[in-house]
Amino acid sequence: MKPKPLSDLSGKELRKREILDAAFGVFTESGYRAATMLEIAGRARASKATLYSCFRNKRDLFEALLRSHVDRINLRLSLDFAQKADPYEILHDLAHSILTITTRPEWVALMRTVIAEAPRFPELREIMREFLNRDRLITFLKLCRKRGLMKFEDASETASMFDALIDSGWMPRSLFGLIPEVKQKRIPHYADFAARMFLKAVAPSGRLLVASRSKRSG
């Protein structure tokens, strides 16, 4: 889901947004271990009472910061939608959403913080484990197999294959600063490539791929 425009935010929602913006700066500059709620409150020009009325502790604040990015990924994998929609469209939209978020400089900066601090702070691993959960994708794949739209043996391994196609090497290279910021205009093309290549591997025939191409060209 897209974040609300600033003009649509209530006073409390706007204050939370300001605190999250301040927390992003503190976490990415100081790291999770050294960051303090007091420093974040100071950066946000908020009282400690205001900060703690919005977030119970540092873990909750960091989780909210990650979620503010992850929640923008609309998986579109609910049961009803999966039964009706073209698998290509769902996979394309999923790939597009994930790439849009994970190639942003803000996300790369947060992931550098997580990688640096995770060995000492199990709570960060727990947060990322939740966000990297593929249960909804696995459920969608099983539904497609049941409908005869895909053919594979292990849904979890198949989901991992789709993840690998989406990754494209951009994320690890961005983390190490080996490539500049990924241009957003490249993402639709790669999302299309990932969806088509995945369906080519798992679809029992080429009909889905042909239909998807004709739909996009039309």
Protein backbone atom coordinates (compact mmCIF):
# COMPACT_ATOMS: atom_id res chain seq x y z
CA MET A 1 0.00 0.00 0.00
CA LYS A 2 1.13 3.53 -0.70
CA PRO A 3 1.74 5.83 2.24
CA LYS A 4 -0.85 8.54 2.78
CA PRO A 5 0.02 12.01 1.49
CA LEU A 6 1.08 14.35 4.29
CA SER A 7 -2.10 16.37 3.75
CA ASP A 8 -4.23 13.32 4.63
CA LEU A 9 -2.47 12.49 7.89
CA SER A 10 -3.97 13.20 11.28
CA GLY A 11 -1.89 15.05 13.84
CA LYS A 12 -0.83 11.82 15.54
CA GLU A 13 -0.07 10.08 12.24
CA LEU A 14 2.03 13.03 11.12
CA ARG A 15 3.95 12.95 14.41
CA LYS A 16 4.63 9.23 13.95
CA ARG A 17 5.89 9.87 10.43
CA GLU A 18 8.24 12.55 11.73
CA ILE A 19 9.52 10.19 14.44
CA LEU A 20 10.11 7.41 11.90
CA ASP A 21 12.03 9.82 9.66
CA ALA A 22 14.18 10.83 12.63
CA ALA A 23 14.67 7.19 13.65
CA PHE A 24 15.84 6.29 10.15
CA GLY A 25 18.63 8.84 10.44
CA VAL A 26 19.67 7.69 13.91
CA PHE A 27 19.59 3.95 13.13
CA THR A 28 21.48 4.24 9.85
CA GLU A 29 24.10 6.62 11.27
CA SER A 30 24.62 5.12 14.75
CA GLY A 31 23.50 1.50 14.27
CA TYR A 32 20.84 -0.36 16.22
CA ARG A 33 23.01 -0.97 19.30
CA ALA A 34 24.12 2.63 19.80
CA ALA A 35 20.82 4.25 18.90
CA THR A 36 18.77 5.44 21.86
CA MET A 37 15.18 6.52 22.26
CA LEU A 38 16.46 9.76 23.79
CA GLU A 39 18.54 10.54 20.70
CA ILE A 40 15.60 9.75 18.41
CA ALA A 41 13.29 11.97 20.46
CA GLY A 42 15.81 14.79 20.20
CA ARG A 43 16.19 14.35 16.43
CA ALA A 44 12.39 14.35 16.05
CA ARG A 45 12.03 17.33 18.41
CA ALA A 46 9.60 15.29 20.45
CA SER A 47 9.34 14.73 24.18
CA LYS A 48 10.11 11.30 25.60
CA ALA A 49 6.45 11.07 26.64
CA THR A 50 5.36 11.65 23.03
CA LEU A 51 7.85 9.11 21.72
CA TYR A 52 6.81 6.40 24.17
CA SER A 53 3.12 7.08 23.51
CA CYS A 54 3.77 6.08 19.89
CA PHE A 55 6.35 3.29 20.36
CA ARG A 56 6.90 1.14 23.44
CA ASN A 57 10.63 0.63 22.96
CA LYS A 58 13.49 0.67 20.47
CA ARG A 59 12.55 -2.70 19.03
CA ASP A 60 8.99 -1.56 18.29
CA LEU A 61 10.32 1.59 16.68
CA PHE A 62 12.78 -0.26 14.45
CA GLU A 63 10.10 -2.79 13.50
CA ALA A 64 7.71 0.05 12.60
CA LEU A 65 10.44 1.62 10.49
CA LEU A 66 10.95 -1.59 8.52
CA ARG A 67 7.22 -2.15 8.24
CA SER A 68 6.73 1.36 6.84
CA HIS A 69 8.68 0.12 3.81
CA VAL A 70 7.51 -3.50 3.68
CA ASP A 71 3.81 -2.67 3.93
CA ARG A 72 4.05 -0.95 0.57
CA ILE A 73 4.55 -4.36 -1.02
CA ASN A 74 1.05 -5.40 -2.04
CA LEU A 75 1.32 -9.18 -2.38
CA ARG A 76 -2.13 -9.50 -3.97
CA LEU A 77 -2.21 -13.15 -2.96
CA SER A 78 -5.50 -13.40 -1.10
CA LEU A 79 -7.47 -16.59 -1.70
CA ASP A 80 -10.27 -14.98 -3.71
CA PHE A 81 -7.95 -12.99 -5.94
CA ALA A 82 -5.66 -15.96 -6.57
CA GLN A 83 -8.61 -18.04 -7.75
CA LYS A 84 -9.63 -15.47 -10.35
CA ALA A 85 -6.56 -13.57 -11.54
CA ASP A 86 -4.01 -14.42 -14.23
CA PRO A 87 -0.92 -15.82 -12.45
CA TYR A 88 1.30 -13.73 -14.69
CA GLU A 89 -0.32 -10.51 -13.49
CA ILE A 90 0.05 -11.50 -9.82
CA LEU A 91 3.69 -12.53 -10.22
CA HIS A 92 4.53 -9.43 -12.25
CA ASP A 93 2.92 -7.13 -9.67
CA LEU A 94 4.64 -8.97 -6.80
CA ALA A 95 8.05 -8.73 -8.47
CA HIS A 96 7.49 -5.06 -9.28
CA SER A 97 6.46 -4.23 -5.71
CA ILE A 98 9.39 -6.06 -4.12
CA LEU A 99 11.96 -4.57 -6.49
CA THR A 100 10.55 -1.07 -6.04
CA ILE A 101 11.05 -1.28 -2.28
CA THR A 102 14.30 -3.23 -2.02
CA THR A 103 16.23 -1.10 -4.51
CA ARG A 104 15.49 2.19 -2.74
CA PRO A 105 18.46 3.82 -0.97
CA GLU A 106 16.47 3.93 2.30
CA TRP A 107 15.95 0.15 2.24
CA VAL A 108 19.59 -0.54 1.37
CA ALA A 109 20.68 1.65 4.30
CA LEU A 110 18.34 -0.20 6.68
CA MET A 111 19.59 -3.60 5.48
CA ARG A 112 23.17 -2.55 6.11
CA THR A 113 22.17 -1.74 9.69
CA VAL A 114 20.40 -5.09 10.11
CA ILE A 115 23.35 -7.07 8.73
CA ALA A 116 25.84 -5.24 10.94
CA GLU A 117 23.83 -5.60 14.14
CA ALA A 118 21.92 -8.90 13.74
CA PRO A 119 24.63 -11.16 15.26
CA ARG A 120 24.35 -9.28 18.58
CA PHE A 121 20.61 -8.61 18.56
CA PRO A 122 18.33 -11.63 18.03
CA GLU A 123 15.29 -9.34 17.83
CA LEU A 124 16.51 -8.04 14.47
CA ARG A 125 16.67 -11.59 13.12
CA GLU A 126 13.15 -12.21 14.37
CA ILE A 127 11.87 -9.07 12.67
CA MET A 128 13.47 -9.98 9.34
CA ARG A 129 12.30 -13.59 9.59
CA GLU A 130 8.73 -12.32 9.75
CA PHE A 131 9.19 -9.94 6.84
CA LEU A 132 10.88 -12.58 4.66
CA ASN A 133 8.13 -15.13 5.31
CA ARG A 134 6.95 -16.74 2.05
CA ASP A 135 3.82 -18.47 3.35
CA ARG A 136 1.44 -16.39 1.23
CA LEU A 137 3.48 -16.96 -1.93
CA ILE A 138 3.64 -20.70 -1.18
CA THR A 139 -0.14 -20.81 -0.70
CA PHE A 140 -0.64 -19.03 -4.01
CA LEU A 141 1.67 -21.47 -5.81
CA LYS A 142 -0.18 -24.45 -4.38
CA LEU A 143 -3.50 -22.99 -5.56
CA CYS A 144 -2.09 -22.57 -9.05
CA ARG A 145 -0.88 -26.18 -9.03
CA LYS A 146 -4.31 -27.34 -7.88
CA ARG A 147 -5.90 -25.44 -10.77
CA GLY A 148 -3.48 -27.06 -13.22
CA LEU A 149 -1.74 -23.77 -14.01
CA MET A 150 1.65 -24.80 -12.63
CA LYS A 151 3.59 -28.00 -12.27
CA PHE A 152 6.21 -28.49 -9.56
CA GLU A 153 7.05 -30.83 -6.68
CA ASP A 154 7.98 -28.63 -3.72
CA ALA A 155 6.19 -25.31 -3.22
CA SER A 156 8.82 -23.93 -0.85
CA GLU A 157 11.67 -24.61 -3.28
CA THR A 158 9.61 -23.13 -6.10
CA ALA A 159 9.00 -19.97 -4.07
CA SER A 160 12.76 -19.74 -3.49
CA MET A 161 13.29 -19.96 -7.24
CA PHE A 162 10.97 -16.99 -7.76
CA ASP A 163 12.84 -15.07 -5.05
CA ALA A 164 16.11 -15.76 -6.86
CA LEU A 165 14.71 -14.40 -10.12
CA ILE A 166 13.52 -11.23 -8.40
CA ASP A 167 16.83 -10.68 -6.62
CA SER A 168 18.67 -10.20 -9.92
CA GLY A 169 21.86 -9.37 -8.03
CA TRP A 170 20.83 -5.75 -7.53
CA MET A 171 20.35 -6.05 -3.78
CA PRO A 172 23.72 -7.60 -2.82
CA ARG A 173 25.61 -5.29 -5.19
CA SER A 174 23.76 -2.28 -3.77
CA LEU A 175 24.62 -3.33 -0.21
CA PHE A 176 28.33 -3.28 -1.03
CA GLY A 177 28.10 -0.07 -3.03
CA LEU A 178 29.17 -1.84 -6.23
CA ILE A 179 26.41 -0.24 -8.30
CA PRO A 180 24.72 3.17 -8.16
CA GLU A 181 21.07 3.58 -7.26
CA VAL A 182 18.84 1.40 -9.47
CA LYS A 183 16.72 3.51 -11.79
CA GLN A 184 13.02 2.88 -11.23
CA LYS A 185 12.33 2.81 -14.97
CA ARG A 186 14.26 -0.47 -15.20
CA ILE A 187 11.99 -2.24 -12.73
CA PRO A 188 8.87 -2.90 -14.91
CA HIS A 189 11.04 -4.56 -17.56
CA TYR A 190 12.78 -6.81 -15.05
CA ALA A 191 9.48 -7.64 -13.28
CA ASP A 192 8.12 -8.76 -16.65
CA PHE A 193 11.25 -10.83 -17.27
CA ALA A 194 11.08 -12.50 -13.83
CA ALA A 195 7.37 -13.40 -14.19
CA ARG A 196 7.81 -14.79 -17.71
CA MET A 197 10.90 -16.82 -16.88
CA PHE A 198 9.26 -18.26 -13.78
CA LEU A 199 6.12 -19.30 -15.68
CA LYS A 200 8.24 -20.77 -18.45
CA ALA A 201 9.82 -23.04 -15.84
CA VAL A 202 6.68 -24.11 -13.96
CA ALA A 203 3.75 -23.80 -16.37
CA PRO A 204 2.70 -27.17 -17.87
CA SER A 205 2.48 -25.54 -21.31
CA GLY A 206 3.36 -22.28 -23.03
CA ARG A 207 -0.24 -21.06 -23.04
CA LEU A 208 0.09 -18.82 -19.98
CA LEU A 209 3.18 -17.16 -21.36
CA VAL A 210 1.59 -16.53 -24.77
CA ALA A 211 -1.58 -15.18 -23.18
CA SER A 212 0.40 -12.81 -20.97
CA ARG A 213 2.42 -11.49 -23.89
CA SER A 214 -0.67 -10.84 -25.98
CA LYS A 215 -2.40 -9.13 -23.05
CA ARG A 216 0.55 -6.75 -22.53
CA SER A 217 1.00 -6.05 -26.25
CA GLY A 218 -2.72 -5.35 -26.57
